[in-house]
Amino acid sequence: MATNQFLNVPLSMPDQAQHIRLITNVLNNTLDGKLNSTGTVTLTASATSTTLSDVRIGGNSVILFTPTTSNGATAHANLYVSAKASGTATLTHASSSNTDQTFDYVVIG
């Protein structure tokens, strides 16, 4: 699941001064590492693949994972991205009955 946590700036605004303030705020947030490129995914239990849907994913994206549960940490060693397309990635992993193999992820590119 992906959420935009930080402000997006419209391409144009009637009030140019307000537009510049918004651009400055977003740029400063970006320099501080505040990017709209993160999400959370839980691996499908008793399966060997999970589909990650996120509009920010493309064929050239790099997707990085950080386990957020103990079972996620155990699954991390066998987790890899086996396919990517516009808006989706296939995550391949070992089958486990655990329902809490949860990861935070970041999409770059």
C-alpha atoms as a PDB file:
ATOM      1  CA  MET A   1       0.000   0.000   0.000  1.00  0.00           C
ATOM      2  CA  ALA A   2       1.403   3.345  -1.017  1.00  0.00           C
ATOM      3  CA  THR A   3       0.545   6.669   0.528  1.00  0.00           C
ATOM      4  CA  ASN A   4       1.679  10.159  -0.298  1.00  0.00           C
ATOM      5  CA  GLN A   5       2.735  11.629   2.995  1.00  0.00           C
ATOM      6  CA  PHE A   6       4.240  14.827   1.670  1.00  0.00           C
ATOM      7  CA  LEU A   7       2.889  17.705  -0.376  1.00  0.00           C
ATOM      8  CA  ASN A   8       2.899  17.627  -4.185  1.00  0.00           C
ATOM      9  CA  VAL A   9       3.195  20.969  -5.978  1.00  0.00           C
ATOM     10  CA  PRO A  10       0.868  21.773  -8.888  1.00  0.00           C
ATOM     11  CA  LEU A  11       2.566  22.768 -12.148  1.00  0.00           C
ATOM     12  CA  SER A  12       1.049  26.224 -11.987  1.00  0.00           C
ATOM     13  CA  MET A  13      -0.917  28.402  -9.597  1.00  0.00           C
ATOM     14  CA  PRO A  14      -2.536  31.834  -9.966  1.00  0.00           C
ATOM     15  CA  ASP A  15      -0.590  33.174  -6.968  1.00  0.00           C
ATOM     16  CA  GLN A  16       3.067  33.000  -8.042  1.00  0.00           C
ATOM     17  CA  ALA A  17       4.403  33.848  -4.566  1.00  0.00           C
ATOM     18  CA  GLN A  18       2.426  31.000  -3.012  1.00  0.00           C
ATOM     19  CA  HIS A  19       3.630  28.680  -5.782  1.00  0.00           C
ATOM     20  CA  ILE A  20       7.268  29.559  -5.056  1.00  0.00           C
ATOM     21  CA  ARG A  21       6.713  28.963  -1.313  1.00  0.00           C
ATOM     22  CA  LEU A  22       5.271  25.512  -2.044  1.00  0.00           C
ATOM     23  CA  ILE A  23       8.154  24.647  -4.370  1.00  0.00           C
ATOM     24  CA  THR A  24      10.656  25.774  -1.727  1.00  0.00           C
ATOM     25  CA  ASN A  25       8.924  23.696   0.951  1.00  0.00           C
ATOM     26  CA  VAL A  26       8.869  20.562  -1.213  1.00  0.00           C
ATOM     27  CA  LEU A  27      12.493  21.032  -2.286  1.00  0.00           C
ATOM     28  CA  ASN A  28      13.642  21.464   1.313  1.00  0.00           C
ATOM     29  CA  ASN A  29      11.681  18.351   2.330  1.00  0.00           C
ATOM     30  CA  THR A  30      13.327  16.420  -0.509  1.00  0.00           C
ATOM     31  CA  LEU A  31      16.767  17.495   0.693  1.00  0.00           C
ATOM     32  CA  ASP A  32      15.757  16.236   4.160  1.00  0.00           C
ATOM     33  CA  GLY A  33      14.826  12.808   2.705  1.00  0.00           C
ATOM     34  CA  LYS A  34      11.045  13.334   2.845  1.00  0.00           C
ATOM     35  CA  LEU A  35      10.018  11.556  -0.358  1.00  0.00           C
ATOM     36  CA  ASN A  36       6.715  10.108  -1.557  1.00  0.00           C
ATOM     37  CA  SER A  37       8.373   6.846  -2.539  1.00  0.00           C
ATOM     38  CA  THR A  38       7.563   4.506   0.360  1.00  0.00           C
ATOM     39  CA  GLY A  39       4.921   1.926   1.145  1.00  0.00           C
ATOM     40  CA  THR A  40       4.140  -1.252   3.082  1.00  0.00           C
ATOM     41  CA  VAL A  41       3.585  -4.769   1.774  1.00  0.00           C
ATOM     42  CA  THR A  42       2.729  -8.080   3.462  1.00  0.00           C
ATOM     43  CA  LEU A  43       3.721 -11.276   1.678  1.00  0.00           C
ATOM     44  CA  THR A  44       0.877 -13.594   0.699  1.00  0.00           C
ATOM     45  CA  ALA A  45       0.712 -16.496   3.174  1.00  0.00           C
ATOM     46  CA  SER A  46       1.124 -20.057   1.855  1.00  0.00           C
ATOM     47  CA  ALA A  47       2.224 -18.799  -1.557  1.00  0.00           C
ATOM     48  CA  THR A  48       5.523 -18.322  -3.364  1.00  0.00           C
ATOM     49  CA  SER A  49       4.715 -14.952  -4.911  1.00  0.00           C
ATOM     50  CA  THR A  50       3.035 -11.688  -3.985  1.00  0.00           C
ATOM     51  CA  THR A  51       1.918  -8.924  -6.317  1.00  0.00           C
ATOM     52  CA  LEU A  52       2.957  -5.448  -5.227  1.00  0.00           C
ATOM     53  CA  SER A  53       0.748  -2.774  -6.811  1.00  0.00           C
ATOM     54  CA  ASP A  54       2.072   0.781  -6.741  1.00  0.00           C
ATOM     55  CA  VAL A  55       1.630   3.382  -9.476  1.00  0.00           C
ATOM     56  CA  ARG A  56       5.229   4.533  -8.935  1.00  0.00           C
ATOM     57  CA  ILE A  57       6.698   1.199 -10.085  1.00  0.00           C
ATOM     58  CA  GLY A  58       8.063   0.994 -13.607  1.00  0.00           C
ATOM     59  CA  GLY A  59      10.181  -1.440 -15.558  1.00  0.00           C
ATOM     60  CA  ASN A  60      13.404   0.302 -14.489  1.00  0.00           C
ATOM     61  CA  SER A  61      12.469   0.887 -10.836  1.00  0.00           C
ATOM     62  CA  VAL A  62      14.626  -0.278  -7.961  1.00  0.00           C
ATOM     63  CA  ILE A  63      12.564  -1.588  -5.025  1.00  0.00           C
ATOM     64  CA  LEU A  64      14.218  -1.913  -1.619  1.00  0.00           C
ATOM     65  CA  PHE A  65      12.707  -3.744   1.365  1.00  0.00           C
ATOM     66  CA  THR A  66      13.039  -3.441   5.144  1.00  0.00           C
ATOM     67  CA  PRO A  67      11.340  -6.110   7.278  1.00  0.00           C
ATOM     68  CA  THR A  68       9.090  -4.703  10.012  1.00  0.00           C
ATOM     69  CA  THR A  69       8.165  -7.964  11.760  1.00  0.00           C
ATOM     70  CA  SER A  70      10.134 -10.947  13.027  1.00  0.00           C
ATOM     71  CA  ASN A  71       8.570 -13.199  10.381  1.00  0.00           C
ATOM     72  CA  GLY A  72       9.370 -10.569   7.769  1.00  0.00           C
ATOM     73  CA  ALA A  73      13.005 -10.627   8.860  1.00  0.00           C
ATOM     74  CA  THR A  74      13.044 -14.403   8.451  1.00  0.00           C
ATOM     75  CA  ALA A  75      11.491 -14.160   4.961  1.00  0.00           C
ATOM     76  CA  HIS A  76      13.815 -11.355   3.838  1.00  0.00           C
ATOM     77  CA  ALA A  77      16.669 -13.695   2.862  1.00  0.00           C
ATOM     78  CA  ASN A  78      14.502 -15.395   0.208  1.00  0.00           C
ATOM     79  CA  LEU A  79      12.656 -12.309  -1.091  1.00  0.00           C
ATOM     80  CA  TYR A  80      13.380 -10.908  -4.536  1.00  0.00           C
ATOM     81  CA  VAL A  81      11.638  -8.975  -7.298  1.00  0.00           C
ATOM     82  CA  SER A  82      11.126 -11.425 -10.156  1.00  0.00           C
ATOM     83  CA  ALA A  83       9.198  -9.116 -12.525  1.00  0.00           C
ATOM     84  CA  LYS A  84       8.368  -5.416 -12.898  1.00  0.00           C
ATOM     85  CA  ALA A  85       5.921  -3.580 -15.109  1.00  0.00           C
ATOM     86  CA  SER A  86       4.076  -0.291 -15.051  1.00  0.00           C
ATOM     87  CA  GLY A  87       2.389  -0.089 -11.633  1.00  0.00           C
ATOM     88  CA  THR A  88       3.204  -3.598 -10.456  1.00  0.00           C
ATOM     89  CA  ALA A  89       5.995  -5.912  -9.314  1.00  0.00           C
ATOM     90  CA  THR A  90       6.031  -9.630  -8.622  1.00  0.00           C
ATOM     91  CA  LEU A  91       7.771 -10.554  -5.382  1.00  0.00           C
ATOM     92  CA  THR A  92       9.017 -14.127  -5.225  1.00  0.00           C
ATOM     93  CA  HIS A  93       9.599 -15.718  -1.839  1.00  0.00           C
ATOM     94  CA  ALA A  94       9.497 -18.970   0.086  1.00  0.00           C
ATOM     95  CA  SER A  95       6.055 -20.278   1.016  1.00  0.00           C
ATOM     96  CA  SER A  96       5.118 -19.733   4.659  1.00  0.00           C
ATOM     97  CA  SER A  97       1.861 -19.924   6.572  1.00  0.00           C
ATOM     98  CA  ASN A  98       2.824 -16.781   8.519  1.00  0.00           C
ATOM     99  CA  THR A  99       0.429 -13.915   7.831  1.00  0.00           C
ATOM    100  CA  ASP A 100       2.674 -11.178   9.187  1.00  0.00           C
ATOM    101  CA  GLN A 101       5.656 -11.193   6.825  1.00  0.00           C
ATOM    102  CA  THR A 102       5.525  -7.424   6.503  1.00  0.00           C
ATOM    103  CA  PHE A 103       7.967  -5.008   4.901  1.00  0.00           C
ATOM    104  CA  ASP A 104       8.336  -1.308   4.340  1.00  0.00           C
ATOM    105  CA  TYR A 105       9.585  -0.577   0.843  1.00  0.00           C
ATOM    106  CA  VAL A 106      10.934   2.300  -1.217  1.00  0.00           C
ATOM    107  CA  VAL A 107      10.618   2.706  -5.000  1.00  0.00           C
ATOM    108  CA  ILE A 108      13.381   4.585  -6.785  1.00  0.00           C
ATOM    109  CA  GLY A 109      13.112   5.370 -10.486  1.00  0.00           C
END
